[in-house]
Amino acid sequence: MFRTLYRRIAAILFVLVSLIGLVVYQLVIYSAEMYQQELTQKLNSVLAQQIVNEEPLLSEQQVNQKNLKSLFHWLMVINPAIEVYLLDQNGRILAFSAPEGRVKRKQVSLAPIRTYLRGGSQLVG
C-alpha cells in the first residue's frame, strides 16, 4: 500500500494536518467556552451587586430562607440559566439555585472571588 515514497509522505502529511486540525479545533472550542464564561460574568456582575444590596440573605449567621426563596424565584423568572450560590466566609456552600445534582462540591476556593472583588483578574474557569 505504501510502497512508494510519494504515498508514504502523503500519508504522513495527511496525519500531521489532521492532528494539527484537531488541536486547533480543541483550542477554538476552549477559547469560545472561556469567552462565554467571561462575558456572562461581566454581564451578571452588576446584577450580583444589586442582589447583595437588595435584601440580606444572612441574618445572625443563619440563611434567611424567605429572602433566599424569593431571590431564587425572581432569578429563575428573569434568566433560568443564572445559578446563585450563597457562601460563608470559608467558601462553604450554604445554599444554591442550581438544579439538584449539579453541585458536586461542598466548598469552593474564595481566592478568585477575592481577586475579582479587588479589581484583579476575571473569574473565568
PDB file of N, CA and C in Angstrom:
ATOM      1  N   MET A   1       0.812  -1.193   0.000  1.00  0.00           N
ATOM      2  CA  MET A   1       0.000   0.000   0.000  1.00  0.00           C
ATOM      3  C   MET A   1       0.859   1.263   0.000  1.00  0.00           C
ATOM      4  N   PHE A   2       1.872   1.320   0.877  1.00  0.00           N
ATOM      5  CA  PHE A   2       2.735   2.497   0.950  1.00  0.00           C
ATOM      6  C   PHE A   2       4.123   2.166   0.395  1.00  0.00           C
ATOM      7  N   ARG A   3       4.141   1.618  -0.786  1.00  0.00           N
ATOM      8  CA  ARG A   3       5.409   1.176  -1.364  1.00  0.00           C
ATOM      9  C   ARG A   3       6.241   2.326  -1.911  1.00  0.00           C
ATOM     10  N   THR A   4       5.576   3.346  -2.382  1.00  0.00           N
ATOM     11  CA  THR A   4       6.336   4.455  -2.964  1.00  0.00           C
ATOM     12  C   THR A   4       6.569   5.534  -1.917  1.00  0.00           C
ATOM     13  N   LEU A   5       7.635   6.272  -2.112  1.00  0.00           N
ATOM     14  CA  LEU A   5       7.979   7.372  -1.221  1.00  0.00           C
ATOM     15  C   LEU A   5       6.881   8.424  -1.228  1.00  0.00           C
ATOM     16  N   TYR A   6       6.323   8.695  -2.380  1.00  0.00           N
ATOM     17  CA  TYR A   6       5.264   9.681  -2.503  1.00  0.00           C
ATOM     18  C   TYR A   6       4.071   9.326  -1.610  1.00  0.00           C
ATOM     19  N   ARG A   7       3.641   8.080  -1.620  1.00  0.00           N
ATOM     20  CA  ARG A   7       2.491   7.658  -0.809  1.00  0.00           C
ATOM     21  C   ARG A   7       2.809   7.743   0.689  1.00  0.00           C
ATOM     22  N   ARG A   8       4.024   7.407   1.069  1.00  0.00           N
ATOM     23  CA  ARG A   8       4.420   7.498   2.473  1.00  0.00           C
ATOM     24  C   ARG A   8       4.400   8.950   2.946  1.00  0.00           C
ATOM     25  N   ILE A   9       4.974   9.830   2.145  1.00  0.00           N
ATOM     26  CA  ILE A   9       4.997  11.252   2.501  1.00  0.00           C
ATOM     27  C   ILE A   9       3.574  11.815   2.543  1.00  0.00           C
ATOM     28  N   ALA A  10       2.751  11.432   1.583  1.00  0.00           N
ATOM     29  CA  ALA A  10       1.358  11.902   1.555  1.00  0.00           C
ATOM     30  C   ALA A  10       0.600  11.423   2.789  1.00  0.00           C
ATOM     31  N   ALA A  11       0.802  10.180   3.208  1.00  0.00           N
ATOM     32  CA  ALA A  11       0.126   9.638   4.387  1.00  0.00           C
ATOM     33  C   ALA A  11       0.584  10.362   5.657  1.00  0.00           C
ATOM     34  N   ILE A  12       1.891  10.585   5.788  1.00  0.00           N
ATOM     35  CA  ILE A  12       2.425  11.297   6.955  1.00  0.00           C
ATOM     36  C   ILE A  12       1.896  12.729   6.991  1.00  0.00           C
ATOM     37  N   LEU A  13       1.880  13.375   5.842  1.00  0.00           N
ATOM     38  CA  LEU A  13       1.361  14.742   5.760  1.00  0.00           C
ATOM     39  C   LEU A  13      -0.119  14.791   6.127  1.00  0.00           C
ATOM     40  N   PHE A  14      -0.874  13.815   5.650  1.00  0.00           N
ATOM     41  CA  PHE A  14      -2.300  13.756   5.982  1.00  0.00           C
ATOM     42  C   PHE A  14      -2.512  13.608   7.495  1.00  0.00           C
ATOM     43  N   VAL A  15      -1.750  12.730   8.128  1.00  0.00           N
ATOM     44  CA  VAL A  15      -1.864  12.520   9.577  1.00  0.00           C
ATOM     45  C   VAL A  15      -1.471  13.789  10.329  1.00  0.00           C
ATOM     46  N   LEU A  16      -0.384  14.444   9.920  1.00  0.00           N
ATOM     47  CA  LEU A  16       0.045  15.676  10.580  1.00  0.00           C
ATOM     48  C   LEU A  16      -0.998  16.782  10.446  1.00  0.00           C
ATOM     49  N   VAL A  17      -1.537  16.970   9.256  1.00  0.00           N
ATOM     50  CA  VAL A  17      -2.551  18.001   9.047  1.00  0.00           C
ATOM     51  C   VAL A  17      -3.806  17.684   9.860  1.00  0.00           C
ATOM     52  N   SER A  18      -4.174  16.423   9.938  1.00  0.00           N
ATOM     53  CA  SER A  18      -5.338  16.018  10.736  1.00  0.00           C
ATOM     54  C   SER A  18      -5.114  16.306  12.214  1.00  0.00           C
ATOM     55  N   LEU A  19      -3.920  15.990  12.727  1.00  0.00           N
ATOM     56  CA  LEU A  19      -3.615  16.258  14.135  1.00  0.00           C
ATOM     57  C   LEU A  19      -3.607  17.757  14.430  1.00  0.00           C
ATOM     58  N   ILE A  20      -3.011  18.531  13.553  1.00  0.00           N
ATOM     59  CA  ILE A  20      -2.991  19.983  13.731  1.00  0.00           C
ATOM     60  C   ILE A  20      -4.416  20.537  13.695  1.00  0.00           C
ATOM     61  N   GLY A  21      -5.223  20.035  12.785  1.00  0.00           N
ATOM     62  CA  GLY A  21      -6.629  20.463  12.714  1.00  0.00           C
ATOM     63  C   GLY A  21      -7.381  20.130  13.986  1.00  0.00           C
ATOM     64  N   LEU A  22      -7.144  18.975  14.551  1.00  0.00           N
ATOM     65  CA  LEU A  22      -7.791  18.571  15.794  1.00  0.00           C
ATOM     66  C   LEU A  22      -7.370  19.472  16.955  1.00  0.00           C
ATOM     67  N   VAL A  23      -6.083  19.791  17.039  1.00  0.00           N
ATOM     68  CA  VAL A  23      -5.589  20.676  18.096  1.00  0.00           C
ATOM     69  C   VAL A  23      -6.201  22.072  17.951  1.00  0.00           C
ATOM     70  N   VAL A  24      -6.230  22.593  16.744  1.00  0.00           N
ATOM     71  CA  VAL A  24      -6.820  23.912  16.510  1.00  0.00           C
ATOM     72  C   VAL A  24      -8.306  23.898  16.867  1.00  0.00           C
ATOM     73  N   TYR A  25      -9.002  22.855  16.502  1.00  0.00           N
ATOM     74  CA  TYR A  25     -10.424  22.732  16.825  1.00  0.00           C
ATOM     75  C   TYR A  25     -10.635  22.754  18.335  1.00  0.00           C
ATOM     76  N   GLN A  26      -9.828  21.999  19.075  1.00  0.00           N
ATOM     77  CA  GLN A  26      -9.947  21.975  20.534  1.00  0.00           C
ATOM     78  C   GLN A  26      -9.656  23.351  21.130  1.00  0.00           C
ATOM     79  N   LEU A  27      -8.656  24.050  20.613  1.00  0.00           N
ATOM     80  CA  LEU A  27      -8.336  25.393  21.102  1.00  0.00           C
ATOM     81  C   LEU A  27      -9.478  26.374  20.840  1.00  0.00           C
ATOM     82  N   VAL A  28     -10.097  26.283  19.689  1.00  0.00           N
ATOM     83  CA  VAL A  28     -11.223  27.163  19.365  1.00  0.00           C
ATOM     84  C   VAL A  28     -12.396  26.885  20.297  1.00  0.00           C
ATOM     85  N   ILE A  29     -12.703  25.626  20.540  1.00  0.00           N
ATOM     86  CA  ILE A  29     -13.802  25.258  21.441  1.00  0.00           C
ATOM     87  C   ILE A  29     -13.512  25.770  22.853  1.00  0.00           C
ATOM     88  N   TYR A  30     -12.300  25.552  23.335  1.00  0.00           N
ATOM     89  CA  TYR A  30     -11.916  26.007  24.674  1.00  0.00           C
ATOM     90  C   TYR A  30     -11.985  27.531  24.778  1.00  0.00           C
ATOM     91  N   SER A  31     -11.457  28.226  23.780  1.00  0.00           N
ATOM     92  CA  SER A  31     -11.484  29.690  23.790  1.00  0.00           C
ATOM     93  C   SER A  31     -12.909  30.225  23.763  1.00  0.00           C
ATOM     94  N   ALA A  32     -13.759  29.622  22.983  1.00  0.00           N
ATOM     95  CA  ALA A  32     -15.154  30.051  22.919  1.00  0.00           C
ATOM     96  C   ALA A  32     -15.842  29.857  24.260  1.00  0.00           C
ATOM     97  N   GLU A  33     -15.571  28.755  24.917  1.00  0.00           N
ATOM     98  CA  GLU A  33     -16.163  28.489  26.239  1.00  0.00           C
ATOM     99  C   GLU A  33     -15.679  29.506  27.273  1.00  0.00           C
ATOM    100  N   MET A  34     -14.387  29.785  27.276  1.00  0.00           N
ATOM    101  CA  MET A  34     -13.846  30.764  28.219  1.00  0.00           C
ATOM    102  C   MET A  34     -14.398  32.162  27.938  1.00  0.00           C
ATOM    103  N   TYR A  35     -14.539  32.510  26.674  1.00  0.00           N
ATOM    104  CA  TYR A  35     -15.108  33.809  26.310  1.00  0.00           C
ATOM    105  C   TYR A  35     -16.559  33.901  26.780  1.00  0.00           C
ATOM    106  N   GLN A  36     -17.320  32.842  26.583  1.00  0.00           N
ATOM    107  CA  GLN A  36     -18.721  32.808  27.021  1.00  0.00           C
ATOM    108  C   GLN A  36     -18.820  32.994  28.538  1.00  0.00           C
ATOM    109  N   GLN A  37     -17.965  32.296  29.288  1.00  0.00           N
ATOM    110  CA  GLN A  37     -17.985  32.425  30.745  1.00  0.00           C
ATOM    111  C   GLN A  37     -17.610  33.834  31.188  1.00  0.00           C
ATOM    112  N   GLU A  38     -16.585  34.414  30.573  1.00  0.00           N
ATOM    113  CA  GLU A  38     -16.163  35.768  30.941  1.00  0.00           C
ATOM    114  C   GLU A  38     -17.259  36.774  30.631  1.00  0.00           C
ATOM    115  N   LEU A  39     -17.871  36.658  29.483  1.00  0.00           N
ATOM    116  CA  LEU A  39     -18.938  37.571  29.098  1.00  0.00           C
ATOM    117  C   LEU A  39     -20.123  37.467  30.057  1.00  0.00           C
ATOM    118  N   THR A  40     -20.500  36.258  30.411  1.00  0.00           N
ATOM    119  CA  THR A  40     -21.596  36.047  31.349  1.00  0.00           C
ATOM    120  C   THR A  40     -21.271  36.652  32.709  1.00  0.00           C
ATOM    121  N   GLN A  41     -20.037  36.466  33.166  1.00  0.00           N
ATOM    122  CA  GLN A  41     -19.639  37.019  34.456  1.00  0.00           C
ATOM    123  C   GLN A  41     -19.649  38.542  34.436  1.00  0.00           C
ATOM    124  N   LYS A  42     -19.176  39.143  33.363  1.00  0.00           N
ATOM    125  CA  LYS A  42     -19.187  40.604  33.275  1.00  0.00           C
ATOM    126  C   LYS A  42     -20.613  41.146  33.252  1.00  0.00           C
ATOM    127  N   LEU A  43     -21.486  40.490  32.488  1.00  0.00           N
ATOM    128  CA  LEU A  43     -22.865  40.952  32.392  1.00  0.00           C
ATOM    129  C   LEU A  43     -23.606  40.791  33.727  1.00  0.00           C
ATOM    130  N   ASN A  44     -23.291  39.751  34.465  1.00  0.00           N
ATOM    131  CA  ASN A  44     -24.012  39.480  35.702  1.00  0.00           C
ATOM    132  C   ASN A  44     -23.376  40.098  36.939  1.00  0.00           C
ATOM    133  N   SER A  45     -22.214  40.739  36.806  1.00  0.00           N
ATOM    134  CA  SER A  45     -21.582  41.341  37.980  1.00  0.00           C
ATOM    135  C   SER A  45     -22.424  42.479  38.545  1.00  0.00           C
ATOM    136  N   VAL A  46     -23.064  43.257  37.685  1.00  0.00           N
ATOM    137  CA  VAL A  46     -23.944  44.335  38.151  1.00  0.00           C
ATOM    138  C   VAL A  46     -25.154  43.739  38.857  1.00  0.00           C
ATOM    139  N   LEU A  47     -25.709  42.694  38.295  1.00  0.00           N
ATOM    140  CA  LEU A  47     -26.848  42.016  38.913  1.00  0.00           C
ATOM    141  C   LEU A  47     -26.463  41.470  40.282  1.00  0.00           C
ATOM    142  N   ALA A  48     -25.286  40.903  40.389  1.00  0.00           N
ATOM    143  CA  ALA A  48     -24.832  40.358  41.673  1.00  0.00           C
ATOM    144  C   ALA A  48     -24.737  41.456  42.720  1.00  0.00           C
ATOM    145  N   GLN A  49     -24.217  42.615  42.342  1.00  0.00           N
ATOM    146  CA  GLN A  49     -24.108  43.731  43.291  1.00  0.00           C
ATOM    147  C   GLN A  49     -25.486  44.185  43.744  1.00  0.00           C
ATOM    148  N   GLN A  50     -26.445  44.231  42.839  1.00  0.00           N
ATOM    149  CA  GLN A  50     -27.802  44.628  43.214  1.00  0.00           C
ATOM    150  C   GLN A  50     -28.444  43.596  44.132  1.00  0.00           C
ATOM    151  N   ILE A  51     -28.166  42.326  43.909  1.00  0.00           N
ATOM    152  CA  ILE A  51     -28.696  41.271  44.777  1.00  0.00           C
ATOM    153  C   ILE A  51     -28.155  41.451  46.190  1.00  0.00           C
ATOM    154  N   VAL A  52     -26.865  41.714  46.308  1.00  0.00           N
ATOM    155  CA  VAL A  52     -26.245  41.887  47.620  1.00  0.00           C
ATOM    156  C   VAL A  52     -26.854  43.087  48.349  1.00  0.00           C
ATOM    157  N   ASN A  53     -27.114  44.164  47.628  1.00  0.00           N
ATOM    158  CA  ASN A  53     -27.633  45.382  48.244  1.00  0.00           C
ATOM    159  C   ASN A  53     -29.134  45.329  48.517  1.00  0.00           C
ATOM    160  N   GLU A  54     -29.870  44.492  47.801  1.00  0.00           N
ATOM    161  CA  GLU A  54     -31.334  44.483  47.872  1.00  0.00           C
ATOM    162  C   GLU A  54     -31.864  43.955  49.204  1.00  0.00           C
ATOM    163  N   GLU A  55     -31.623  42.708  49.484  1.00  0.00           N
ATOM    164  CA  GLU A  55     -32.150  42.089  50.692  1.00  0.00           C
ATOM    165  C   GLU A  55     -31.072  41.233  51.340  1.00  0.00           C
ATOM    166  N   PRO A  56     -30.983  41.288  52.657  1.00  0.00           N
ATOM    167  CA  PRO A  56     -29.965  40.450  53.324  1.00  0.00           C
ATOM    168  C   PRO A  56     -30.331  38.976  53.236  1.00  0.00           C
ATOM    169  N   LEU A  57     -29.369  38.175  52.814  1.00  0.00           N
ATOM    170  CA  LEU A  57     -29.594  36.740  52.706  1.00  0.00           C
ATOM    171  C   LEU A  57     -29.113  36.001  53.946  1.00  0.00           C
ATOM    172  N   LEU A  58     -28.331  36.702  54.769  1.00  0.00           N
ATOM    173  CA  LEU A  58     -27.872  36.127  56.033  1.00  0.00           C
ATOM    174  C   LEU A  58     -28.302  37.043  57.170  1.00  0.00           C
ATOM    175  N   SER A  59     -28.800  36.449  58.233  1.00  0.00           N
ATOM    176  CA  SER A  59     -29.105  37.215  59.435  1.00  0.00           C
ATOM    177  C   SER A  59     -28.619  36.406  60.629  1.00  0.00           C
ATOM    178  N   GLU A  60     -27.683  36.983  61.372  1.00  0.00           N
ATOM    179  CA  GLU A  60     -27.083  36.324  62.532  1.00  0.00           C
ATOM    180  C   GLU A  60     -26.490  34.959  62.160  1.00  0.00           C
ATOM    181  N   GLN A  61     -25.735  34.930  61.078  1.00  0.00           N
ATOM    182  CA  GLN A  61     -25.070  33.731  60.559  1.00  0.00           C
ATOM    183  C   GLN A  61     -26.029  32.612  60.164  1.00  0.00           C
ATOM    184  N   GLN A  62     -27.291  32.930  59.968  1.00  0.00           N
ATOM    185  CA  GLN A  62     -28.292  31.965  59.519  1.00  0.00           C
ATOM    186  C   GLN A  62     -28.825  32.424  58.166  1.00  0.00           C
ATOM    187  N   VAL A  63     -29.123  31.474  57.304  1.00  0.00           N
ATOM    188  CA  VAL A  63     -29.667  31.792  55.986  1.00  0.00           C
ATOM    189  C   VAL A  63     -31.103  32.267  56.147  1.00  0.00           C
ATOM    190  N   ASN A  64     -31.405  33.425  55.570  1.00  0.00           N
ATOM    191  CA  ASN A  64     -32.766  33.956  55.577  1.00  0.00           C
ATOM    192  C   ASN A  64     -33.520  33.254  54.451  1.00  0.00           C
ATOM    193  N   GLN A  65     -34.190  32.175  54.780  1.00  0.00           N
ATOM    194  CA  GLN A  65     -34.838  31.315  53.786  1.00  0.00           C
ATOM    195  C   GLN A  65     -35.900  32.056  52.980  1.00  0.00           C
ATOM    196  N   LYS A  66     -36.644  32.942  53.606  1.00  0.00           N
ATOM    197  CA  LYS A  66     -37.702  33.680  52.906  1.00  0.00           C
ATOM    198  C   LYS A  66     -37.113  34.538  51.792  1.00  0.00           C
ATOM    199  N   ASN A  67     -36.099  35.334  52.122  1.00  0.00           N
ATOM    200  CA  ASN A  67     -35.462  36.182  51.113  1.00  0.00           C
ATOM    201  C   ASN A  67     -34.758  35.342  50.051  1.00  0.00           C
ATOM    202  N   LEU A  68     -34.162  34.225  50.471  1.00  0.00           N
ATOM    203  CA  LEU A  68     -33.448  33.358  49.536  1.00  0.00           C
ATOM    204  C   LEU A  68     -34.406  32.724  48.532  1.00  0.00           C
ATOM    205  N   LYS A  69     -35.536  32.214  48.992  1.00  0.00           N
ATOM    206  CA  LYS A  69     -36.523  31.626  48.079  1.00  0.00           C
ATOM    207  C   LYS A  69     -37.064  32.676  47.121  1.00  0.00           C
ATOM    208  N   SER A  70     -37.305  33.877  47.630  1.00  0.00           N
ATOM    209  CA  SER A  70     -37.788  34.959  46.770  1.00  0.00           C
ATOM    210  C   SER A  70     -36.749  35.300  45.703  1.00  0.00           C
ATOM    211  N   LEU A  71     -35.502  35.395  46.119  1.00  0.00           N
ATOM    212  CA  LEU A  71     -34.418  35.694  45.178  1.00  0.00           C
ATOM    213  C   LEU A  71     -34.312  34.610  44.109  1.00  0.00           C
ATOM    214  N   PHE A  72     -34.300  33.341  44.517  1.00  0.00           N
ATOM    215  CA  PHE A  72     -34.197  32.240  43.564  1.00  0.00           C
ATOM    216  C   PHE A  72     -35.371  32.262  42.580  1.00  0.00           C
ATOM    217  N   HIS A  73     -36.553  32.548  43.089  1.00  0.00           N
ATOM    218  CA  HIS A  73     -37.735  32.602  42.224  1.00  0.00           C
ATOM    219  C   HIS A  73     -37.583  33.690  41.166  1.00  0.00           C
ATOM    220  N   TRP A  74     -37.235  34.901  41.584  1.00  0.00           N
ATOM    221  CA  TRP A  74     -37.142  36.005  40.630  1.00  0.00           C
ATOM    222  C   TRP A  74     -35.998  35.821  39.634  1.00  0.00           C
ATOM    223  N   LEU A  75     -34.918  35.237  40.082  1.00  0.00           N
ATOM    224  CA  LEU A  75     -33.818  34.992  39.142  1.00  0.00           C
ATOM    225  C   LEU A  75     -34.201  33.950  38.103  1.00  0.00           C
ATOM    226  N   MET A  76     -34.946  32.948  38.486  1.00  0.00           N
ATOM    227  CA  MET A  76     -35.400  31.951  37.515  1.00  0.00           C
ATOM    228  C   MET A  76     -36.400  32.554  36.534  1.00  0.00           C
ATOM    229  N   VAL A  77     -37.188  33.515  36.984  1.00  0.00           N
ATOM    230  CA  VAL A  77     -38.121  34.205  36.090  1.00  0.00           C
ATOM    231  C   VAL A  77     -37.343  35.049  35.091  1.00  0.00           C
ATOM    232  N   ILE A  78     -36.334  35.774  35.587  1.00  0.00           N
ATOM    233  CA  ILE A  78     -35.558  36.673  34.728  1.00  0.00           C
ATOM    234  C   ILE A  78     -34.679  35.894  33.760  1.00  0.00           C
ATOM    235  N   ASN A  79     -33.920  34.935  34.290  1.00  0.00           N
ATOM    236  CA  ASN A  79     -32.984  34.174  33.458  1.00  0.00           C
ATOM    237  C   ASN A  79     -32.755  32.803  34.086  1.00  0.00           C
ATOM    238  N   PRO A  80     -33.381  31.767  33.562  1.00  0.00           N
ATOM    239  CA  PRO A  80     -33.239  30.423  34.146  1.00  0.00           C
ATOM    240  C   PRO A  80     -31.814  29.877  34.120  1.00  0.00           C
ATOM    241  N   ALA A  81     -30.934  30.472  33.334  1.00  0.00           N
ATOM    242  CA  ALA A  81     -29.558  29.969  33.254  1.00  0.00           C
ATOM    243  C   ALA A  81     -28.686  30.468  34.409  1.00  0.00           C
ATOM    244  N   ILE A  82     -29.148  31.465  35.163  1.00  0.00           N
ATOM    245  CA  ILE A  82     -28.359  32.006  36.269  1.00  0.00           C
ATOM    246  C   ILE A  82     -28.379  31.036  37.439  1.00  0.00           C
ATOM    247  N   GLU A  83     -27.216  30.809  38.000  1.00  0.00           N
ATOM    248  CA  GLU A  83     -27.094  29.995  39.205  1.00  0.00           C
ATOM    249  C   GLU A  83     -26.520  30.883  40.296  1.00  0.00           C
ATOM    250  N   VAL A  84     -27.135  30.853  41.467  1.00  0.00           N
ATOM    251  CA  VAL A  84     -26.693  31.657  42.597  1.00  0.00           C
ATOM    252  C   VAL A  84     -26.230  30.710  43.699  1.00  0.00           C
ATOM    253  N   TYR A  85     -25.076  31.041  44.280  1.00  0.00           N
ATOM    254  CA  TYR A  85     -24.534  30.250  45.380  1.00  0.00           C
ATOM    255  C   TYR A  85     -24.320  31.179  46.566  1.00  0.00           C
ATOM    256  N   LEU A  86     -24.833  30.818  47.702  1.00  0.00           N
ATOM    257  CA  LEU A  86     -24.623  31.568  48.932  1.00  0.00           C
ATOM    258  C   LEU A  86     -23.510  30.876  49.695  1.00  0.00           C
ATOM    259  N   LEU A  87     -22.393  31.604  49.900  1.00  0.00           N
ATOM    260  CA  LEU A  87     -21.207  31.034  50.531  1.00  0.00           C
ATOM    261  C   LEU A  87     -20.987  31.668  51.899  1.00  0.00           C
ATOM    262  N   ASP A  88     -20.380  30.906  52.804  1.00  0.00           N
ATOM    263  CA  ASP A  88     -19.971  31.515  54.063  1.00  0.00           C
ATOM    264  C   ASP A  88     -18.561  32.076  53.890  1.00  0.00           C
ATOM    265  N   GLN A  89     -17.980  32.583  54.980  1.00  0.00           N
ATOM    266  CA  GLN A  89     -16.669  33.237  54.892  1.00  0.00           C
ATOM    267  C   GLN A  89     -15.538  32.277  54.540  1.00  0.00           C
ATOM    268  N   ASN A  90     -15.770  30.983  54.683  1.00  0.00           N
ATOM    269  CA  ASN A  90     -14.742  29.989  54.358  1.00  0.00           C
ATOM    270  C   ASN A  90     -14.949  29.363  52.991  1.00  0.00           C
ATOM    271  N   GLY A  91     -15.988  29.783  52.286  1.00  0.00           N
ATOM    272  CA  GLY A  91     -16.251  29.246  50.958  1.00  0.00           C
ATOM    273  C   GLY A  91     -17.185  28.053  50.940  1.00  0.00           C
ATOM    274  N   ARG A  92     -17.731  27.675  52.095  1.00  0.00           N
ATOM    275  CA  ARG A  92     -18.693  26.564  52.120  1.00  0.00           C
ATOM    276  C   ARG A  92     -20.007  27.024  51.497  1.00  0.00           C
ATOM    277  N   ILE A  93     -20.598  26.165  50.705  1.00  0.00           N
ATOM    278  CA  ILE A  93     -21.859  26.478  50.035  1.00  0.00           C
ATOM    279  C   ILE A  93     -22.997  26.260  51.029  1.00  0.00           C
ATOM    280  N   LEU A  94     -23.683  27.376  51.367  1.00  0.00           N
ATOM    281  CA  LEU A  94     -24.800  27.305  52.306  1.00  0.00           C
ATOM    282  C   LEU A  94     -26.113  27.011  51.589  1.00  0.00           C
ATOM    283  N   ALA A  95     -26.273  27.590  50.407  1.00  0.00           N
ATOM    284  CA  ALA A  95     -27.489  27.386  49.608  1.00  0.00           C
ATOM    285  C   ALA A  95     -27.144  27.678  48.156  1.00  0.00           C
ATOM    286  N   PHE A  96     -27.958  27.143  47.238  1.00  0.00           N
ATOM    287  CA  PHE A  96     -27.714  27.372  45.817  1.00  0.00           C
ATOM    288  C   PHE A  96     -29.015  27.259  45.050  1.00  0.00           C
ATOM    289  N   SER A  97     -29.015  27.852  43.849  1.00  0.00           N
ATOM    290  CA  SER A  97     -30.204  27.816  42.999  1.00  0.00           C
ATOM    291  C   SER A  97     -30.042  26.879  41.812  1.00  0.00           C
ATOM    292  N   ALA A  98     -28.952  26.151  41.770  1.00  0.00           N
ATOM    293  CA  ALA A  98     -28.694  25.226  40.652  1.00  0.00           C
ATOM    294  C   ALA A  98     -29.596  24.006  40.771  1.00  0.00           C
ATOM    295  N   PRO A  99     -29.831  23.322  39.645  1.00  0.00           N
ATOM    296  CA  PRO A  99     -30.631  22.098  39.700  1.00  0.00           C
ATOM    297  C   PRO A  99     -29.983  21.049  40.606  1.00  0.00           C
ATOM    298  N   GLU A 100     -30.809  20.241  41.232  1.00  0.00           N
ATOM    299  CA  GLU A 100     -30.299  19.178  42.111  1.00  0.00           C
ATOM    300  C   GLU A 100     -29.338  18.265  41.347  1.00  0.00           C
ATOM    301  N   GLY A 101     -28.260  17.899  42.000  1.00  0.00           N
ATOM    302  CA  GLY A 101     -27.281  17.008  41.404  1.00  0.00           C
ATOM    303  C   GLY A 101     -26.198  17.730  40.621  1.00  0.00           C
ATOM    304  N   ARG A 102     -26.404  18.996  40.316  1.00  0.00           N
ATOM    305  CA  ARG A 102     -25.405  19.734  39.542  1.00  0.00           C
ATOM    306  C   ARG A 102     -24.222  20.164  40.401  1.00  0.00           C
ATOM    307  N   VAL A 103     -24.483  20.526  41.650  1.00  0.00           N
ATOM    308  CA  VAL A 103     -23.428  20.979  42.549  1.00  0.00           C
ATOM    309  C   VAL A 103     -22.745  19.752  43.143  1.00  0.00           C
ATOM    310  N   LYS A 104     -21.467  19.611  42.842  1.00  0.00           N
ATOM    311  CA  LYS A 104     -20.705  18.441  43.271  1.00  0.00           C
ATOM    312  C   LYS A 104     -19.855  18.722  44.510  1.00  0.00           C
ATOM    313  N   ARG A 105     -19.571  19.985  44.773  1.00  0.00           N
ATOM    314  CA  ARG A 105     -18.694  20.353  45.880  1.00  0.00           C
ATOM    315  C   ARG A 105     -19.499  20.908  47.049  1.00  0.00           C
ATOM    316  N   LYS A 106     -18.894  20.863  48.200  1.00  0.00           N
ATOM    317  CA  LYS A 106     -19.493  21.470  49.385  1.00  0.00           C
ATOM    318  C   LYS A 106     -18.797  22.789  49.720  1.00  0.00           C
ATOM    319  N   GLN A 107     -17.635  23.026  49.087  1.00  0.00           N
ATOM    320  CA  GLN A 107     -16.854  24.218  49.358  1.00  0.00           C
ATOM    321  C   GLN A 107     -16.122  24.640  48.091  1.00  0.00           C
ATOM    322  N   VAL A 108     -15.930  25.948  47.942  1.00  0.00           N
ATOM    323  CA  VAL A 108     -15.187  26.476  46.799  1.00  0.00           C
ATOM    324  C   VAL A 108     -14.075  27.387  47.305  1.00  0.00           C
ATOM    325  N   SER A 109     -13.080  27.595  46.474  1.00  0.00           N
ATOM    326  CA  SER A 109     -11.986  28.493  46.813  1.00  0.00           C
ATOM    327  C   SER A 109     -12.457  29.933  46.669  1.00  0.00           C
ATOM    328  N   LEU A 110     -12.167  30.747  47.664  1.00  0.00           N
ATOM    329  CA  LEU A 110     -12.555  32.156  47.626  1.00  0.00           C
ATOM    330  C   LEU A 110     -11.475  33.045  47.007  1.00  0.00           C
ATOM    331  N   ALA A 111     -10.307  32.495  46.746  1.00  0.00           N
ATOM    332  CA  ALA A 111      -9.202  33.299  46.204  1.00  0.00           C
ATOM    333  C   ALA A 111      -9.571  33.987  44.891  1.00  0.00           C
ATOM    334  N   PRO A 112     -10.158  33.300  43.894  1.00  0.00           N
ATOM    335  CA  PRO A 112     -10.521  34.008  42.656  1.00  0.00           C
ATOM    336  C   PRO A 112     -11.586  35.082  42.888  1.00  0.00           C
ATOM    337  N   ILE A 113     -12.490  34.846  43.815  1.00  0.00           N
ATOM    338  CA  ILE A 113     -13.543  35.824  44.103  1.00  0.00           C
ATOM    339  C   ILE A 113     -12.940  37.061  44.748  1.00  0.00           C
ATOM    340  N   ARG A 114     -12.040  36.854  45.696  1.00  0.00           N
ATOM    341  CA  ARG A 114     -11.386  37.997  46.358  1.00  0.00           C
ATOM    342  C   ARG A 114     -10.558  38.800  45.356  1.00  0.00           C
ATOM    343  N   THR A 115      -9.854  38.116  44.461  1.00  0.00           N
ATOM    344  CA  THR A 115      -9.075  38.804  43.430  1.00  0.00           C
ATOM    345  C   THR A 115      -9.985  39.634  42.541  1.00  0.00           C
ATOM    346  N   TYR A 116     -11.104  39.067  42.149  1.00  0.00           N
ATOM    347  CA  TYR A 116     -12.072  39.777  41.298  1.00  0.00           C
ATOM    348  C   TYR A 116     -12.623  41.007  42.015  1.00  0.00           C
ATOM    349  N   LEU A 117     -12.961  40.865  43.286  1.00  0.00           N
ATOM    350  CA  LEU A 117     -13.524  41.982  44.042  1.00  0.00           C
ATOM    351  C   LEU A 117     -12.510  43.109  44.260  1.00  0.00           C
ATOM    352  N   ARG A 118     -11.228  42.768  44.294  1.00  0.00           N
ATOM    353  CA  ARG A 118     -10.177  43.788  44.415  1.00  0.00           C
ATOM    354  C   ARG A 118      -9.901  44.468  43.085  1.00  0.00           C
ATOM    355  N   GLY A 119     -10.553  44.017  42.035  1.00  0.00           N
ATOM    356  CA  GLY A 119     -10.353  44.623  40.723  1.00  0.00           C
ATOM    357  C   GLY A 119      -9.288  43.920  39.902  1.00  0.00           C
ATOM    358  N   GLY A 120      -8.932  42.725  40.298  1.00  0.00           N
ATOM    359  CA  GLY A 120      -7.898  41.961  39.608  1.00  0.00           C
ATOM    360  C   GLY A 120      -8.469  41.240  38.401  1.00  0.00           C
ATOM    361  N   SER A 121      -8.000  40.032  38.221  1.00  0.00           N
ATOM    362  CA  SER A 121      -8.384  39.249  37.043  1.00  0.00           C
ATOM    363  C   SER A 121      -9.838  38.827  37.094  1.00  0.00           C
ATOM    364  N   GLN A 122     -10.285  38.288  35.978  1.00  0.00           N
ATOM    365  CA  GLN A 122     -11.661  37.816  35.859  1.00  0.00           C
ATOM    366  C   GLN A 122     -11.827  36.465  36.544  1.00  0.00           C
ATOM    367  N   LEU A 123     -13.081  36.049  36.764  1.00  0.00           N
ATOM    368  CA  LEU A 123     -13.379  34.808  37.461  1.00  0.00           C
ATOM    369  C   LEU A 123     -13.370  33.583  36.559  1.00  0.00           C
ATOM    370  N   VAL A 124     -13.296  33.734  35.294  1.00  0.00           N
ATOM    371  CA  VAL A 124     -13.468  32.645  34.335  1.00  0.00           C
ATOM    372  C   VAL A 124     -12.773  31.380  34.773  1.00  0.00           C
ATOM    373  N   GLY A 125     -13.482  30.261  34.553  1.00  0.00           N
ATOM    374  CA  GLY A 125     -12.867  28.959  34.783  1.00  0.00           C
ATOM    375  C   GLY A 125     -13.149  28.374  36.052  1.00  0.00           C
TER     376      GLY A 125
END
